[in-house]
Amino acid sequence: EEGGLRDLLASLPERHPESKAALRRRQHAQFGRWWAQLRAGNSLLLYGFGSKHDLLSRFARQQTGDGACLAVNGLHPGLTAKQVRAGLVPPARTCWTRLKACWACWDRQSWAAHYRGCSKDDMLELVGRDQRRLYLVLHNIDGPGLRDHSAQRVLSELAALPNVHLAASVDHVNAALLWDQQVCCTRDRFSWVWHNATNYEPYHREVGYAGEGRGGGARAGVMQSATVVLASLSHSAREVFRLVADAQLDPSGEQGVTFQRLFQQCRERFLVSNEMLLKAFLTEFRDHELLQTKRASDGSELLHVPLGEEVLQQVLQDMDAMG
């Protein structure tokens, strides 16, 4: 079971901590050089084995104080390049949550109103006229929603603006093919400077997005369809799903809920009248791969959603909009 395997891997002791710490120190010592390369008109691209999320986030915190910084998680299943572009338009920046490093943290309904009806050229002009430096930190520019030439063209147009500085990471083994000879103009606009950022850090954040950014994983489709599936269910079914998700996100709990505890909560909220109806809801969730069971420390069975924390929080936000 994937959830149990993930928990087991997380509990393993860290190996070679001194060597990994030395790698981190060497990479942190390069921040000044990276910043100078950004100011010279280049874009940074970090590659190599290990999660580069914390490394890029630290770079952004330390080196972007002279401008505005937007951090985006490219692995988010709902993300598009056009939404990233819209997020840089000056009115939309009032909706940023600084350095949360996740697309899910934006108030999408608020900033979406600022760019409806605006053409691509209008938005690029608005971004380009801004007097401040704009730093775009894009974790996994090879994410599922950005992995095509049209999306990369949109991002390259942003990177080519004099006041926009792009720092990104890749994990997919074939990421370089996004900028092959057929799209040389896109590659030239990025003006990449490649940095080997191998650090052997665990992919804790990325694993919640099914590993699609690292070259495989059919489960990305499950997360992309989660909101659509839930929207097709009844309000009561969605509220049952919310109870399971809330129990899983509770830091004081065991990242899941027993069937009996869930049934009790559902009855208290008048969501179900009997166990048969609750089991029908749970079967629906399982059929769409939105529910699994795992063993708790006391041997009991826990119901849980096989999604990472950030993805699950975004699904809950989308559910709020459903009413």
C-alpha atoms as a PDB file:
ATOM      1  CA  GLU A   1       0.000   0.000   0.000  1.00  0.00           C
ATOM      2  CA  GLU A   2       1.499   3.322  -1.083  1.00  0.00           C
ATOM      3  CA  GLY A   3       0.418   5.290   1.985  1.00  0.00           C
ATOM      4  CA  GLY A   4       1.984   2.749   4.336  1.00  0.00           C
ATOM      5  CA  LEU A   5       5.170   2.661   2.270  1.00  0.00           C
ATOM      6  CA  ARG A   6       5.415   6.446   2.363  1.00  0.00           C
ATOM      7  CA  ASP A   7       5.016   6.440   6.156  1.00  0.00           C
ATOM      8  CA  LEU A   8       7.666   3.726   6.461  1.00  0.00           C
ATOM      9  CA  LEU A   9      10.155   5.631   4.322  1.00  0.00           C
ATOM     10  CA  ALA A  10       9.535   8.799   6.322  1.00  0.00           C
ATOM     11  CA  SER A  11      10.380   6.961   9.536  1.00  0.00           C
ATOM     12  CA  LEU A  12      13.765   5.725   8.294  1.00  0.00           C
ATOM     13  CA  PRO A  13      16.809   7.445   9.816  1.00  0.00           C
ATOM     14  CA  GLU A  14      18.640   9.923   7.613  1.00  0.00           C
ATOM     15  CA  ARG A  15      21.725   8.464   5.965  1.00  0.00           C
ATOM     16  CA  HIS A  16      25.011  10.342   5.533  1.00  0.00           C
ATOM     17  CA  PRO A  17      23.765  13.535   7.237  1.00  0.00           C
ATOM     18  CA  GLU A  18      27.248  15.094   7.366  1.00  0.00           C
ATOM     19  CA  SER A  19      27.828  14.674   3.624  1.00  0.00           C
ATOM     20  CA  LYS A  20      24.389  16.065   2.804  1.00  0.00           C
ATOM     21  CA  ALA A  21      24.953  19.029   5.101  1.00  0.00           C
ATOM     22  CA  ALA A  22      28.255  19.733   3.335  1.00  0.00           C
ATOM     23  CA  LEU A  23      26.448  19.682  -0.027  1.00  0.00           C
ATOM     24  CA  ARG A  24      23.894  22.164   1.277  1.00  0.00           C
ATOM     25  CA  ARG A  25      26.606  24.520   2.525  1.00  0.00           C
ATOM     26  CA  ARG A  26      28.361  24.468  -0.848  1.00  0.00           C
ATOM     27  CA  GLN A  27      25.103  25.200  -2.645  1.00  0.00           C
ATOM     28  CA  HIS A  28      24.153  28.008  -0.257  1.00  0.00           C
ATOM     29  CA  ALA A  29      27.573  29.550  -0.872  1.00  0.00           C
ATOM     30  CA  GLN A  30      26.618  29.851  -4.571  1.00  0.00           C
ATOM     31  CA  PHE A  31      23.594  32.084  -3.897  1.00  0.00           C
ATOM     32  CA  GLY A  32      25.483  35.297  -4.604  1.00  0.00           C
ATOM     33  CA  ARG A  33      26.675  33.941  -7.944  1.00  0.00           C
ATOM     34  CA  TRP A  34      23.179  32.772  -8.859  1.00  0.00           C
ATOM     35  CA  TRP A  35      21.735  36.182  -8.028  1.00  0.00           C
ATOM     36  CA  ALA A  36      24.346  37.884 -10.210  1.00  0.00           C
ATOM     37  CA  GLN A  37      23.414  35.583 -13.096  1.00  0.00           C
ATOM     38  CA  LEU A  38      19.759  36.535 -12.698  1.00  0.00           C
ATOM     39  CA  ARG A  39      20.632  40.233 -12.686  1.00  0.00           C
ATOM     40  CA  ALA A  40      22.692  39.703 -15.847  1.00  0.00           C
ATOM     41  CA  GLY A  41      19.548  38.620 -17.704  1.00  0.00           C
ATOM     42  CA  ASN A  42      19.827  34.848 -17.400  1.00  0.00           C
ATOM     43  CA  SER A  43      17.374  32.353 -15.926  1.00  0.00           C
ATOM     44  CA  LEU A  44      18.459  29.711 -13.423  1.00  0.00           C
ATOM     45  CA  LEU A  45      17.639  26.033 -13.862  1.00  0.00           C
ATOM     46  CA  LEU A  46      18.468  23.592 -11.062  1.00  0.00           C
ATOM     47  CA  TYR A  47      18.699  19.884 -11.863  1.00  0.00           C
ATOM     48  CA  GLY A  48      20.001  16.750 -10.180  1.00  0.00           C
ATOM     49  CA  PHE A  49      18.869  14.015  -7.818  1.00  0.00           C
ATOM     50  CA  GLY A  50      17.009  15.157  -4.712  1.00  0.00           C
ATOM     51  CA  SER A  51      14.254  17.636  -3.911  1.00  0.00           C
ATOM     52  CA  LYS A  52      15.297  21.175  -4.752  1.00  0.00           C
ATOM     53  CA  HIS A  53      12.214  22.758  -3.194  1.00  0.00           C
ATOM     54  CA  ASP A  54      13.829  23.895   0.064  1.00  0.00           C
ATOM     55  CA  LEU A  55      16.986  25.026  -1.736  1.00  0.00           C
ATOM     56  CA  LEU A  56      15.084  27.276  -4.152  1.00  0.00           C
ATOM     57  CA  SER A  57      12.870  28.594  -1.356  1.00  0.00           C
ATOM     58  CA  ARG A  58      15.894  29.523   0.748  1.00  0.00           C
ATOM     59  CA  PHE A  59      17.497  31.241  -2.231  1.00  0.00           C
ATOM     60  CA  ALA A  60      14.311  33.258  -2.734  1.00  0.00           C
ATOM     61  CA  ARG A  61      14.128  34.284   0.916  1.00  0.00           C
ATOM     62  CA  GLN A  62      17.743  35.441   1.015  1.00  0.00           C
ATOM     63  CA  GLN A  63      18.263  36.990  -2.414  1.00  0.00           C
ATOM     64  CA  THR A  64      15.002  38.605  -3.578  1.00  0.00           C
ATOM     65  CA  GLY A  65      14.618  41.404  -1.048  1.00  0.00           C
ATOM     66  CA  ASP A  66      15.058  44.067  -3.740  1.00  0.00           C
ATOM     67  CA  GLY A  67      11.816  43.118  -5.483  1.00  0.00           C
ATOM     68  CA  ALA A  68       8.612  41.104  -5.369  1.00  0.00           C
ATOM     69  CA  CYS A  69       8.847  37.313  -5.356  1.00  0.00           C
ATOM     70  CA  LEU A  70       6.241  34.786  -6.444  1.00  0.00           C
ATOM     71  CA  ALA A  71       6.854  31.081  -5.761  1.00  0.00           C
ATOM     72  CA  VAL A  72       4.770  28.536  -7.670  1.00  0.00           C
ATOM     73  CA  ASN A  73       4.633  24.738  -7.450  1.00  0.00           C
ATOM     74  CA  GLY A  74       4.645  23.478 -11.024  1.00  0.00           C
ATOM     75  CA  LEU A  75       3.474  20.013  -9.993  1.00  0.00           C
ATOM     76  CA  HIS A  76       0.057  21.268  -8.963  1.00  0.00           C
ATOM     77  CA  PRO A  77      -2.447  19.450 -11.212  1.00  0.00           C
ATOM     78  CA  GLY A  78      -4.555  22.568 -11.816  1.00  0.00           C
ATOM     79  CA  LEU A  79      -1.718  24.875 -12.818  1.00  0.00           C
ATOM     80  CA  THR A  80      -1.314  26.405 -16.285  1.00  0.00           C
ATOM     81  CA  ALA A  81       1.316  28.757 -17.673  1.00  0.00           C
ATOM     82  CA  LYS A  82      -1.331  31.384 -18.414  1.00  0.00           C
ATOM     83  CA  GLN A  83      -2.300  31.426 -14.744  1.00  0.00           C
ATOM     84  CA  VAL A  84       1.328  31.992 -13.772  1.00  0.00           C
ATOM     85  CA  ARG A  85       1.456  34.912 -16.201  1.00  0.00           C
ATOM     86  CA  ALA A  86      -1.771  36.339 -14.789  1.00  0.00           C
ATOM     87  CA  GLY A  87      -0.373  36.035 -11.280  1.00  0.00           C
ATOM     88  CA  LEU A  88       2.434  38.465 -12.150  1.00  0.00           C
ATOM     89  CA  VAL A  89       0.072  41.211 -13.324  1.00  0.00           C
ATOM     90  CA  PRO A  90       0.319  44.035 -10.726  1.00  0.00           C
ATOM     91  CA  PRO A  91      -3.332  43.954  -9.475  1.00  0.00           C
ATOM     92  CA  ALA A  92      -3.124  40.188  -8.948  1.00  0.00           C
ATOM     93  CA  ARG A  93      -0.098  40.477  -6.681  1.00  0.00           C
ATOM     94  CA  THR A  94      -2.315  41.745  -3.868  1.00  0.00           C
ATOM     95  CA  CYS A  95      -3.511  38.122  -3.647  1.00  0.00           C
ATOM     96  CA  TRP A  96      -0.073  36.571  -3.158  1.00  0.00           C
ATOM     97  CA  THR A  97       0.858  34.724  -0.004  1.00  0.00           C
ATOM     98  CA  ARG A  98       4.574  35.449   0.126  1.00  0.00           C
ATOM     99  CA  LEU A  99       6.795  32.427  -0.323  1.00  0.00           C
ATOM    100  CA  LYS A 100       4.191  29.807   0.432  1.00  0.00           C
ATOM    101  CA  ALA A 101       5.682  28.126  -2.635  1.00  0.00           C
ATOM    102  CA  CYS A 102       2.406  26.574  -3.664  1.00  0.00           C
ATOM    103  CA  TRP A 103      -0.132  27.517  -6.289  1.00  0.00           C
ATOM    104  CA  ALA A 104      -2.851  26.354  -3.896  1.00  0.00           C
ATOM    105  CA  CYS A 105      -2.086  29.279  -1.581  1.00  0.00           C
ATOM    106  CA  TRP A 106      -3.296  31.885  -4.056  1.00  0.00           C
ATOM    107  CA  ASP A 107      -6.785  33.317  -3.784  1.00  0.00           C
ATOM    108  CA  ARG A 108      -7.637  32.303  -7.338  1.00  0.00           C
ATOM    109  CA  GLN A 109     -11.166  33.691  -7.372  1.00  0.00           C
ATOM    110  CA  SER A 110      -9.878  37.147  -6.385  1.00  0.00           C
ATOM    111  CA  TRP A 111      -7.043  37.520  -8.849  1.00  0.00           C
ATOM    112  CA  ALA A 112      -8.846  35.797 -11.729  1.00  0.00           C
ATOM    113  CA  ALA A 113     -11.122  38.820 -12.039  1.00  0.00           C
ATOM    114  CA  HIS A 114      -8.135  41.040 -12.796  1.00  0.00           C
ATOM    115  CA  TYR A 115      -7.152  39.334 -16.034  1.00  0.00           C
ATOM    116  CA  ARG A 116     -10.434  38.183 -17.581  1.00  0.00           C
ATOM    117  CA  GLY A 117     -10.729  39.909 -20.919  1.00  0.00           C
ATOM    118  CA  CYS A 118      -7.069  40.969 -21.013  1.00  0.00           C
ATOM    119  CA  SER A 119      -5.073  39.861 -24.018  1.00  0.00           C
ATOM    120  CA  LYS A 120      -1.675  38.211 -23.745  1.00  0.00           C
ATOM    121  CA  ASP A 121       0.047  41.372 -24.977  1.00  0.00           C
ATOM    122  CA  ASP A 122      -1.842  43.507 -22.452  1.00  0.00           C
ATOM    123  CA  MET A 123      -0.712  41.321 -19.567  1.00  0.00           C
ATOM    124  CA  LEU A 124       2.897  41.232 -20.746  1.00  0.00           C
ATOM    125  CA  GLU A 125       2.855  45.013 -21.057  1.00  0.00           C
ATOM    126  CA  LEU A 126       1.460  45.393 -17.528  1.00  0.00           C
ATOM    127  CA  VAL A 127       4.129  43.114 -16.106  1.00  0.00           C
ATOM    128  CA  GLY A 128       6.906  44.728 -18.136  1.00  0.00           C
ATOM    129  CA  ARG A 129       5.948  48.268 -17.086  1.00  0.00           C
ATOM    130  CA  ASP A 130       6.292  47.432 -13.403  1.00  0.00           C
ATOM    131  CA  GLN A 131       9.105  49.421 -11.801  1.00  0.00           C
ATOM    132  CA  ARG A 132       9.954  46.667  -9.315  1.00  0.00           C
ATOM    133  CA  ARG A 133      12.032  43.601  -9.994  1.00  0.00           C
ATOM    134  CA  LEU A 134       9.818  40.518 -10.185  1.00  0.00           C
ATOM    135  CA  TYR A 135      11.307  37.194  -9.127  1.00  0.00           C
ATOM    136  CA  LEU A 136       9.462  34.082 -10.292  1.00  0.00           C
ATOM    137  CA  VAL A 137      10.495  30.921  -8.436  1.00  0.00           C
ATOM    138  CA  LEU A 138       9.018  27.966 -10.299  1.00  0.00           C
ATOM    139  CA  HIS A 139       9.412  24.611  -8.593  1.00  0.00           C
ATOM    140  CA  ASN A 140       9.289  21.929 -11.319  1.00  0.00           C
ATOM    141  CA  ILE A 141       8.907  23.865 -14.531  1.00  0.00           C
ATOM    142  CA  ASP A 142       8.558  20.370 -16.048  1.00  0.00           C
ATOM    143  CA  GLY A 143       5.295  19.737 -14.150  1.00  0.00           C
ATOM    144  CA  PRO A 144       2.292  18.107 -15.886  1.00  0.00           C
ATOM    145  CA  GLY A 145       0.471  21.364 -16.641  1.00  0.00           C
ATOM    146  CA  LEU A 146       3.590  23.027 -18.060  1.00  0.00           C
ATOM    147  CA  ARG A 147       5.038  20.138 -20.040  1.00  0.00           C
ATOM    148  CA  ASP A 148       4.334  21.279 -23.583  1.00  0.00           C
ATOM    149  CA  HIS A 149       5.780  23.780 -26.023  1.00  0.00           C
ATOM    150  CA  SER A 150       2.887  26.265 -25.781  1.00  0.00           C
ATOM    151  CA  ALA A 151       3.167  26.494 -21.985  1.00  0.00           C
ATOM    152  CA  GLN A 152       6.931  26.907 -22.205  1.00  0.00           C
ATOM    153  CA  ARG A 153       6.497  29.657 -24.787  1.00  0.00           C
ATOM    154  CA  VAL A 154       4.261  31.594 -22.376  1.00  0.00           C
ATOM    155  CA  LEU A 155       6.819  31.236 -19.580  1.00  0.00           C
ATOM    156  CA  SER A 156       9.711  32.175 -21.865  1.00  0.00           C
ATOM    157  CA  GLU A 157       7.935  35.403 -22.839  1.00  0.00           C
ATOM    158  CA  LEU A 158       7.780  36.291 -19.151  1.00  0.00           C
ATOM    159  CA  ALA A 159      11.428  35.364 -18.602  1.00  0.00           C
ATOM    160  CA  ALA A 160      12.467  37.604 -21.500  1.00  0.00           C
ATOM    161  CA  LEU A 161      11.046  40.729 -19.809  1.00  0.00           C
ATOM    162  CA  PRO A 162      13.893  42.858 -18.377  1.00  0.00           C
ATOM    163  CA  ASN A 163      12.307  43.151 -14.915  1.00  0.00           C
ATOM    164  CA  VAL A 164      11.365  39.446 -14.540  1.00  0.00           C
ATOM    165  CA  HIS A 165      13.933  37.015 -13.133  1.00  0.00           C
ATOM    166  CA  LEU A 166      13.147  33.300 -13.308  1.00  0.00           C
ATOM    167  CA  ALA A 167      14.649  30.591 -11.101  1.00  0.00           C
ATOM    168  CA  ALA A 168      13.285  27.097 -11.742  1.00  0.00           C
ATOM    169  CA  SER A 169      13.934  23.420 -11.093  1.00  0.00           C
ATOM    170  CA  VAL A 170      13.416  20.198 -13.062  1.00  0.00           C
ATOM    171  CA  ASP A 171      13.268  16.536 -12.080  1.00  0.00           C
ATOM    172  CA  HIS A 172      12.073  14.742 -15.211  1.00  0.00           C
ATOM    173  CA  VAL A 173      14.897  12.866 -16.925  1.00  0.00           C
ATOM    174  CA  ASN A 174      13.783  14.227 -20.322  1.00  0.00           C
ATOM    175  CA  ALA A 175      13.133  17.815 -19.216  1.00  0.00           C
ATOM    176  CA  ALA A 176      15.719  19.227 -21.635  1.00  0.00           C
ATOM    177  CA  LEU A 177      13.518  18.128 -24.551  1.00  0.00           C
ATOM    178  CA  LEU A 178      11.117  20.934 -23.639  1.00  0.00           C
ATOM    179  CA  TRP A 179      13.620  23.314 -25.237  1.00  0.00           C
ATOM    180  CA  ASP A 180      14.910  21.325 -28.223  1.00  0.00           C
ATOM    181  CA  GLN A 181      15.989  22.662 -31.614  1.00  0.00           C
ATOM    182  CA  GLN A 182      12.394  22.948 -32.814  1.00  0.00           C
ATOM    183  CA  VAL A 183      11.680  25.612 -30.209  1.00  0.00           C
ATOM    184  CA  CYS A 184      15.047  27.362 -30.214  1.00  0.00           C
ATOM    185  CA  CYS A 185      13.424  30.805 -29.890  1.00  0.00           C
ATOM    186  CA  THR A 186      11.785  29.702 -26.638  1.00  0.00           C
ATOM    187  CA  ARG A 187      15.093  28.324 -25.381  1.00  0.00           C
ATOM    188  CA  ASP A 188      16.889  31.547 -26.279  1.00  0.00           C
ATOM    189  CA  ARG A 189      14.331  33.675 -24.440  1.00  0.00           C
ATOM    190  CA  PHE A 190      14.901  31.656 -21.275  1.00  0.00           C
ATOM    191  CA  SER A 191      18.704  32.023 -21.539  1.00  0.00           C
ATOM    192  CA  TRP A 192      19.169  29.172 -19.085  1.00  0.00           C
ATOM    193  CA  VAL A 193      22.161  28.764 -16.816  1.00  0.00           C
ATOM    194  CA  TRP A 194      22.111  25.140 -15.652  1.00  0.00           C
ATOM    195  CA  HIS A 195      23.254  24.267 -12.133  1.00  0.00           C
ATOM    196  CA  ASN A 196      23.753  20.750 -10.801  1.00  0.00           C
ATOM    197  CA  ALA A 197      21.898  20.891  -7.467  1.00  0.00           C
ATOM    198  CA  THR A 198      22.162  17.204  -6.538  1.00  0.00           C
ATOM    199  CA  ASN A 199      21.545  17.007  -2.787  1.00  0.00           C
ATOM    200  CA  TYR A 200      19.891  13.602  -2.143  1.00  0.00           C
ATOM    201  CA  GLU A 201      17.082  15.274  -0.192  1.00  0.00           C
ATOM    202  CA  PRO A 202      13.851  13.218   0.017  1.00  0.00           C
ATOM    203  CA  TYR A 203      10.985  14.125  -2.309  1.00  0.00           C
ATOM    204  CA  HIS A 204       8.494  14.609   0.530  1.00  0.00           C
ATOM    205  CA  ARG A 205       6.646  17.513  -1.119  1.00  0.00           C
ATOM    206  CA  GLU A 206       6.768  16.143  -4.644  1.00  0.00           C
ATOM    207  CA  VAL A 207       5.473  12.672  -3.750  1.00  0.00           C
ATOM    208  CA  GLY A 208       2.067  14.169  -2.967  1.00  0.00           C
ATOM    209  CA  TYR A 209       1.747  15.011  -6.659  1.00  0.00           C
ATOM    210  CA  ALA A 210       2.246  11.378  -7.720  1.00  0.00           C
ATOM    211  CA  GLY A 211       5.831  11.820  -8.896  1.00  0.00           C
ATOM    212  CA  GLU A 212       4.749  12.916 -12.356  1.00  0.00           C
ATOM    213  CA  GLY A 213       7.515  15.541 -12.432  1.00  0.00           C
ATOM    214  CA  ARG A 214      10.142  12.817 -11.977  1.00  0.00           C
ATOM    215  CA  GLY A 215       9.288  10.843 -15.078  1.00  0.00           C
ATOM    216  CA  GLY A 216       6.344   8.605 -14.300  1.00  0.00           C
ATOM    217  CA  GLY A 217       3.285   7.827 -12.258  1.00  0.00           C
ATOM    218  CA  ALA A 218      -0.199   7.338 -13.601  1.00  0.00           C
ATOM    219  CA  ARG A 219      -1.623   8.611 -10.313  1.00  0.00           C
ATOM    220  CA  ALA A 220      -1.307  12.221 -11.454  1.00  0.00           C
ATOM    221  CA  GLY A 221      -4.547  11.644 -13.329  1.00  0.00           C
ATOM    222  CA  VAL A 222      -6.248  10.675 -10.077  1.00  0.00           C
ATOM    223  CA  MET A 223      -5.372  14.006  -8.484  1.00  0.00           C
ATOM    224  CA  GLN A 224      -6.325  15.964 -11.561  1.00  0.00           C
ATOM    225  CA  SER A 225      -9.777  14.381 -11.520  1.00  0.00           C
ATOM    226  CA  ALA A 226     -10.377  14.481  -7.745  1.00  0.00           C
ATOM    227  CA  THR A 227     -12.209  17.804  -7.808  1.00  0.00           C
ATOM    228  CA  VAL A 228     -14.272  16.767 -10.830  1.00  0.00           C
ATOM    229  CA  VAL A 229     -15.297  13.516  -9.136  1.00  0.00           C
ATOM    230  CA  LEU A 230     -16.271  15.246  -5.903  1.00  0.00           C
ATOM    231  CA  ALA A 231     -18.282  17.860  -7.793  1.00  0.00           C
ATOM    232  CA  SER A 232     -20.384  15.066  -9.289  1.00  0.00           C
ATOM    233  CA  LEU A 233     -21.291  13.656  -5.862  1.00  0.00           C
ATOM    234  CA  SER A 234     -23.986  14.780  -3.460  1.00  0.00           C
ATOM    235  CA  HIS A 235     -23.347  17.394  -0.799  1.00  0.00           C
ATOM    236  CA  SER A 236     -23.549  14.715   1.903  1.00  0.00           C
ATOM    237  CA  ALA A 237     -20.935  12.572   0.149  1.00  0.00           C
ATOM    238  CA  ARG A 238     -18.570  15.539  -0.129  1.00  0.00           C
ATOM    239  CA  GLU A 239     -18.984  16.291   3.569  1.00  0.00           C
ATOM    240  CA  VAL A 240     -18.132  12.678   4.408  1.00  0.00           C
ATOM    241  CA  PHE A 241     -14.982  13.031   2.316  1.00  0.00           C
ATOM    242  CA  ARG A 242     -14.180  16.259   4.165  1.00  0.00           C
ATOM    243  CA  LEU A 243     -14.373  14.470   7.532  1.00  0.00           C
ATOM    244  CA  VAL A 244     -11.850  11.870   6.361  1.00  0.00           C
ATOM    245  CA  ALA A 245      -9.575  14.592   4.972  1.00  0.00           C
ATOM    246  CA  ASP A 246      -9.784  16.712   8.133  1.00  0.00           C
ATOM    247  CA  ALA A 247      -8.855  13.715  10.285  1.00  0.00           C
ATOM    248  CA  GLN A 248      -5.911  13.007   7.994  1.00  0.00           C
ATOM    249  CA  LEU A 249      -4.659  16.602   8.175  1.00  0.00           C
ATOM    250  CA  ASP A 250      -5.008  16.790  11.965  1.00  0.00           C
ATOM    251  CA  PRO A 251      -1.396  16.957  13.244  1.00  0.00           C
ATOM    252  CA  SER A 252      -2.415  15.414  16.559  1.00  0.00           C
ATOM    253  CA  GLY A 253      -4.036  12.371  14.953  1.00  0.00           C
ATOM    254  CA  GLU A 254      -2.813   9.290  13.089  1.00  0.00           C
ATOM    255  CA  GLN A 255      -3.454  10.648   9.578  1.00  0.00           C
ATOM    256  CA  GLY A 256      -6.698   8.779   9.201  1.00  0.00           C
ATOM    257  CA  VAL A 257      -9.973   7.838  10.872  1.00  0.00           C
ATOM    258  CA  THR A 258     -11.587   4.536  11.819  1.00  0.00           C
ATOM    259  CA  PHE A 259     -14.879   3.539  10.245  1.00  0.00           C
ATOM    260  CA  GLN A 260     -16.722   3.646  13.575  1.00  0.00           C
ATOM    261  CA  ARG A 261     -15.390   7.096  14.434  1.00  0.00           C
ATOM    262  CA  LEU A 262     -16.339   8.362  10.986  1.00  0.00           C
ATOM    263  CA  PHE A 263     -19.831   6.881  11.295  1.00  0.00           C
ATOM    264  CA  GLN A 264     -20.286   8.608  14.651  1.00  0.00           C
ATOM    265  CA  GLN A 265     -19.222  11.966  13.206  1.00  0.00           C
ATOM    266  CA  CYS A 266     -21.520  11.534  10.206  1.00  0.00           C
ATOM    267  CA  ARG A 267     -24.520  10.757  12.408  1.00  0.00           C
ATOM    268  CA  GLU A 268     -23.823  13.777  14.607  1.00  0.00           C
ATOM    269  CA  ARG A 269     -23.899  15.959  11.467  1.00  0.00           C
ATOM    270  CA  PHE A 270     -26.961  14.177   9.999  1.00  0.00           C
ATOM    271  CA  LEU A 271     -24.990  13.126   6.906  1.00  0.00           C
ATOM    272  CA  VAL A 272     -26.009   9.458   7.051  1.00  0.00           C
ATOM    273  CA  SER A 273     -28.664   7.534   8.946  1.00  0.00           C
ATOM    274  CA  ASN A 274     -27.109   4.068   8.815  1.00  0.00           C
ATOM    275  CA  GLU A 275     -23.831   2.265   8.148  1.00  0.00           C
ATOM    276  CA  MET A 276     -25.021   0.965   4.781  1.00  0.00           C
ATOM    277  CA  LEU A 277     -25.296   4.483   3.373  1.00  0.00           C
ATOM    278  CA  LEU A 278     -21.853   5.410   4.700  1.00  0.00           C
ATOM    279  CA  LYS A 279     -20.349   2.274   3.150  1.00  0.00           C
ATOM    280  CA  ALA A 280     -21.932   3.243  -0.168  1.00  0.00           C
ATOM    281  CA  PHE A 281     -20.190   6.627  -0.016  1.00  0.00           C
ATOM    282  CA  LEU A 282     -16.870   4.992   0.860  1.00  0.00           C
ATOM    283  CA  THR A 283     -17.228   2.517  -2.003  1.00  0.00           C
ATOM    284  CA  GLU A 284     -17.745   5.458  -4.362  1.00  0.00           C
ATOM    285  CA  PHE A 285     -14.540   7.064  -3.081  1.00  0.00           C
ATOM    286  CA  ARG A 286     -12.602   3.810  -3.478  1.00  0.00           C
ATOM    287  CA  ASP A 287     -13.870   3.316  -7.029  1.00  0.00           C
ATOM    288  CA  HIS A 288     -12.355   6.687  -7.926  1.00  0.00           C
ATOM    289  CA  GLU A 289      -9.143   5.961  -5.977  1.00  0.00           C
ATOM    290  CA  LEU A 290      -9.913   8.689  -3.453  1.00  0.00           C
ATOM    291  CA  LEU A 291      -9.870   6.402  -0.411  1.00  0.00           C
ATOM    292  CA  GLN A 292      -7.599   3.695   0.972  1.00  0.00           C
ATOM    293  CA  THR A 293      -7.125   1.856   4.259  1.00  0.00           C
ATOM    294  CA  LYS A 294      -3.979   1.448   6.321  1.00  0.00           C
ATOM    295  CA  ARG A 295      -3.001  -0.019   9.673  1.00  0.00           C
ATOM    296  CA  ALA A 296      -2.749   2.251  12.704  1.00  0.00           C
ATOM    297  CA  SER A 297      -0.125   1.771  15.401  1.00  0.00           C
ATOM    298  CA  ASP A 298      -2.665  -0.137  17.520  1.00  0.00           C
ATOM    299  CA  GLY A 299      -3.556  -2.491  14.665  1.00  0.00           C
ATOM    300  CA  SER A 300      -6.894  -0.894  13.782  1.00  0.00           C
ATOM    301  CA  GLU A 301      -7.792   0.034  10.194  1.00  0.00           C
ATOM    302  CA  LEU A 302      -7.735   3.707   9.273  1.00  0.00           C
ATOM    303  CA  LEU A 303      -9.461   5.314   6.307  1.00  0.00           C
ATOM    304  CA  HIS A 304      -7.313   7.881   4.522  1.00  0.00           C
ATOM    305  CA  VAL A 305      -7.084   9.798   1.238  1.00  0.00           C
ATOM    306  CA  PRO A 306      -4.034   8.831  -0.910  1.00  0.00           C
ATOM    307  CA  LEU A 307      -3.075  12.437  -1.641  1.00  0.00           C
ATOM    308  CA  GLY A 308      -0.289  14.611  -0.278  1.00  0.00           C
ATOM    309  CA  GLU A 309      -1.033  17.298   2.274  1.00  0.00           C
ATOM    310  CA  GLU A 310      -0.813  20.293  -0.076  1.00  0.00           C
ATOM    311  CA  VAL A 311      -2.902  18.593  -2.767  1.00  0.00           C
ATOM    312  CA  LEU A 312      -5.521  17.542  -0.228  1.00  0.00           C
ATOM    313  CA  GLN A 313      -5.752  21.075   1.151  1.00  0.00           C
ATOM    314  CA  GLN A 314      -6.315  22.399  -2.362  1.00  0.00           C
ATOM    315  CA  VAL A 315      -9.053  19.828  -2.996  1.00  0.00           C
ATOM    316  CA  LEU A 316     -10.784  21.016   0.174  1.00  0.00           C
ATOM    317  CA  GLN A 317     -10.514  24.621  -1.008  1.00  0.00           C
ATOM    318  CA  ASP A 318     -12.091  23.644  -4.320  1.00  0.00           C
ATOM    319  CA  MET A 319     -14.876  21.884  -2.418  1.00  0.00           C
ATOM    320  CA  ASP A 320     -15.620  25.116  -0.534  1.00  0.00           C
ATOM    321  CA  ALA A 321     -16.425  26.752  -3.866  1.00  0.00           C
ATOM    322  CA  MET A 322     -18.912  23.964  -4.683  1.00  0.00           C
ATOM    323  CA  GLY A 323     -21.150  24.944  -1.759  1.00  0.00           C
END
